N, C-alpha and C. Protein backbone atom coordinates (compact mmCIF):
# COMPACT_ATOMS: atom_id res chain seq x y z
N MET A 1 5.50 13.10 7.27
CA MET A 1 6.96 13.03 7.21
C MET A 1 7.43 13.85 6.01
N ALA A 2 8.46 14.63 6.16
CA ALA A 2 9.02 15.41 5.05
C ALA A 2 9.61 14.47 4.01
N ILE A 3 9.65 14.95 2.78
CA ILE A 3 10.23 14.16 1.69
C ILE A 3 11.50 14.87 1.23
N PRO A 4 12.67 14.26 1.42
CA PRO A 4 13.90 14.88 0.94
C PRO A 4 13.98 14.81 -0.59
N GLN A 5 14.84 15.62 -1.18
CA GLN A 5 15.02 15.56 -2.63
C GLN A 5 15.37 14.13 -3.01
N ASN A 6 14.66 13.59 -3.98
CA ASN A 6 14.82 12.22 -4.46
C ASN A 6 14.56 11.18 -3.36
N GLY A 7 13.75 11.54 -2.35
CA GLY A 7 13.15 10.71 -1.31
C GLY A 7 14.01 9.60 -0.77
N PRO A 8 13.46 8.69 -0.05
CA PRO A 8 12.02 8.53 0.16
C PRO A 8 11.50 9.28 1.38
N GLY A 9 10.20 9.51 1.36
CA GLY A 9 9.48 10.05 2.49
C GLY A 9 8.18 9.27 2.59
N GLU A 10 7.18 9.85 3.22
CA GLU A 10 5.91 9.15 3.37
C GLU A 10 4.77 10.14 3.23
N VAL A 11 3.70 9.71 2.56
CA VAL A 11 2.50 10.52 2.41
C VAL A 11 1.28 9.69 2.79
N LEU A 12 0.23 10.36 3.23
CA LEU A 12 -1.05 9.72 3.46
C LEU A 12 -1.94 10.01 2.25
N VAL A 13 -2.52 8.96 1.68
CA VAL A 13 -3.36 9.08 0.49
C VAL A 13 -4.77 8.62 0.85
N GLY A 14 -5.75 9.43 0.45
CA GLY A 14 -7.14 9.05 0.69
C GLY A 14 -7.50 7.86 -0.20
N VAL A 15 -7.95 6.77 0.45
CA VAL A 15 -8.31 5.55 -0.27
C VAL A 15 -9.57 4.96 0.36
N ARG A 16 -10.59 4.72 -0.43
CA ARG A 16 -11.82 4.05 0.01
C ARG A 16 -12.38 4.64 1.31
N GLY A 17 -12.46 5.94 1.40
CA GLY A 17 -13.04 6.59 2.56
C GLY A 17 -12.14 6.69 3.77
N GLY A 18 -10.90 6.24 3.67
CA GLY A 18 -9.93 6.33 4.75
C GLY A 18 -8.64 6.90 4.22
N SER A 19 -7.53 6.64 4.89
CA SER A 19 -6.24 7.07 4.38
C SER A 19 -5.22 5.97 4.64
N GLU A 20 -4.28 5.84 3.72
CA GLU A 20 -3.23 4.84 3.82
C GLU A 20 -1.88 5.50 3.56
N ALA A 21 -0.84 5.01 4.24
CA ALA A 21 0.51 5.55 4.08
C ALA A 21 1.20 4.91 2.89
N TYR A 22 1.88 5.74 2.12
CA TYR A 22 2.65 5.29 0.95
C TYR A 22 4.05 5.87 1.03
N ALA A 23 5.03 5.12 0.58
CA ALA A 23 6.38 5.67 0.41
C ALA A 23 6.29 6.67 -0.74
N ALA A 24 7.00 7.80 -0.62
CA ALA A 24 6.88 8.85 -1.63
C ALA A 24 8.23 9.42 -2.00
N TRP A 25 8.38 9.72 -3.28
CA TRP A 25 9.57 10.36 -3.82
C TRP A 25 9.14 11.64 -4.52
N SER A 26 10.03 12.63 -4.53
CA SER A 26 9.78 13.90 -5.19
C SER A 26 11.10 14.42 -5.74
N ALA A 27 11.05 15.09 -6.90
CA ALA A 27 12.26 15.66 -7.49
C ALA A 27 12.80 16.81 -6.64
N ALA A 28 11.92 17.48 -5.91
CA ALA A 28 12.33 18.59 -5.03
C ALA A 28 11.90 18.26 -3.61
N PRO A 29 12.59 18.76 -2.60
CA PRO A 29 12.19 18.49 -1.22
C PRO A 29 10.78 19.02 -0.95
N VAL A 30 10.04 18.29 -0.13
CA VAL A 30 8.69 18.69 0.27
C VAL A 30 8.65 18.68 1.80
N ALA A 31 8.28 19.80 2.38
CA ALA A 31 8.23 19.92 3.84
C ALA A 31 7.07 19.12 4.42
N LYS A 32 7.16 18.82 5.70
CA LYS A 32 6.10 18.11 6.41
C LYS A 32 4.82 18.95 6.38
N ASP A 33 3.69 18.30 6.28
CA ASP A 33 2.35 18.90 6.28
C ASP A 33 2.03 19.72 5.04
N VAL A 34 2.80 19.59 3.97
CA VAL A 34 2.49 20.25 2.70
C VAL A 34 1.62 19.30 1.88
N ARG A 35 0.53 19.82 1.34
CA ARG A 35 -0.35 18.98 0.50
C ARG A 35 0.34 18.70 -0.82
N VAL A 36 0.21 17.46 -1.28
CA VAL A 36 0.86 17.04 -2.53
C VAL A 36 -0.16 16.39 -3.45
N ILE A 37 0.23 16.24 -4.70
CA ILE A 37 -0.56 15.51 -5.68
C ILE A 37 0.28 14.33 -6.16
N VAL A 38 -0.34 13.18 -6.27
CA VAL A 38 0.34 11.99 -6.78
C VAL A 38 0.37 12.09 -8.30
N VAL A 39 1.57 12.04 -8.89
CA VAL A 39 1.71 12.16 -10.34
C VAL A 39 2.04 10.83 -11.01
N ASP A 40 2.48 9.83 -10.22
CA ASP A 40 2.81 8.53 -10.80
C ASP A 40 2.92 7.51 -9.67
N SER A 41 2.79 6.25 -10.02
CA SER A 41 3.02 5.20 -9.03
C SER A 41 4.24 4.40 -9.45
N VAL A 42 5.07 4.04 -8.48
CA VAL A 42 6.28 3.28 -8.72
C VAL A 42 5.99 1.80 -8.50
N SER A 43 5.18 1.53 -7.48
CA SER A 43 4.77 0.16 -7.16
C SER A 43 3.44 0.25 -6.43
N ALA A 44 2.99 -0.86 -5.89
CA ALA A 44 1.70 -0.87 -5.19
C ALA A 44 1.69 0.02 -3.96
N ARG A 45 2.83 0.30 -3.34
CA ARG A 45 2.89 1.10 -2.11
C ARG A 45 3.85 2.28 -2.21
N SER A 46 4.26 2.66 -3.42
CA SER A 46 5.20 3.77 -3.61
C SER A 46 4.69 4.70 -4.71
N VAL A 47 4.81 6.01 -4.46
CA VAL A 47 4.31 7.00 -5.41
C VAL A 47 5.32 8.11 -5.62
N ILE A 48 5.15 8.81 -6.72
CA ILE A 48 5.91 10.03 -7.00
C ILE A 48 4.94 11.18 -6.84
N VAL A 49 5.36 12.22 -6.11
CA VAL A 49 4.48 13.34 -5.80
C VAL A 49 5.12 14.67 -6.17
N GLU A 50 4.26 15.69 -6.26
CA GLU A 50 4.69 17.08 -6.41
C GLU A 50 3.84 17.90 -5.45
N PRO A 51 4.39 19.02 -4.95
CA PRO A 51 3.57 19.89 -4.10
C PRO A 51 2.33 20.35 -4.86
N LEU A 52 1.20 20.41 -4.17
CA LEU A 52 -0.05 20.87 -4.77
C LEU A 52 0.08 22.35 -5.08
N PRO A 53 -0.19 22.76 -6.33
CA PRO A 53 -0.11 24.20 -6.65
C PRO A 53 -1.09 25.02 -5.80
N SER A 54 -0.70 26.24 -5.46
CA SER A 54 -1.55 27.10 -4.62
C SER A 54 -2.75 27.60 -5.38
């Protein structure tokens, strides 16, 4: 799911050999299927992300 500026959106995060969905916020919009890096956690199921540098 795309993440609009100041979210929320959704990302899949690799956890314990699988993947889990987390609510995600970003300062800038992030298009669908763009790889991101988690830079902070807001709560147990919410994260702040940035696009992964090329």
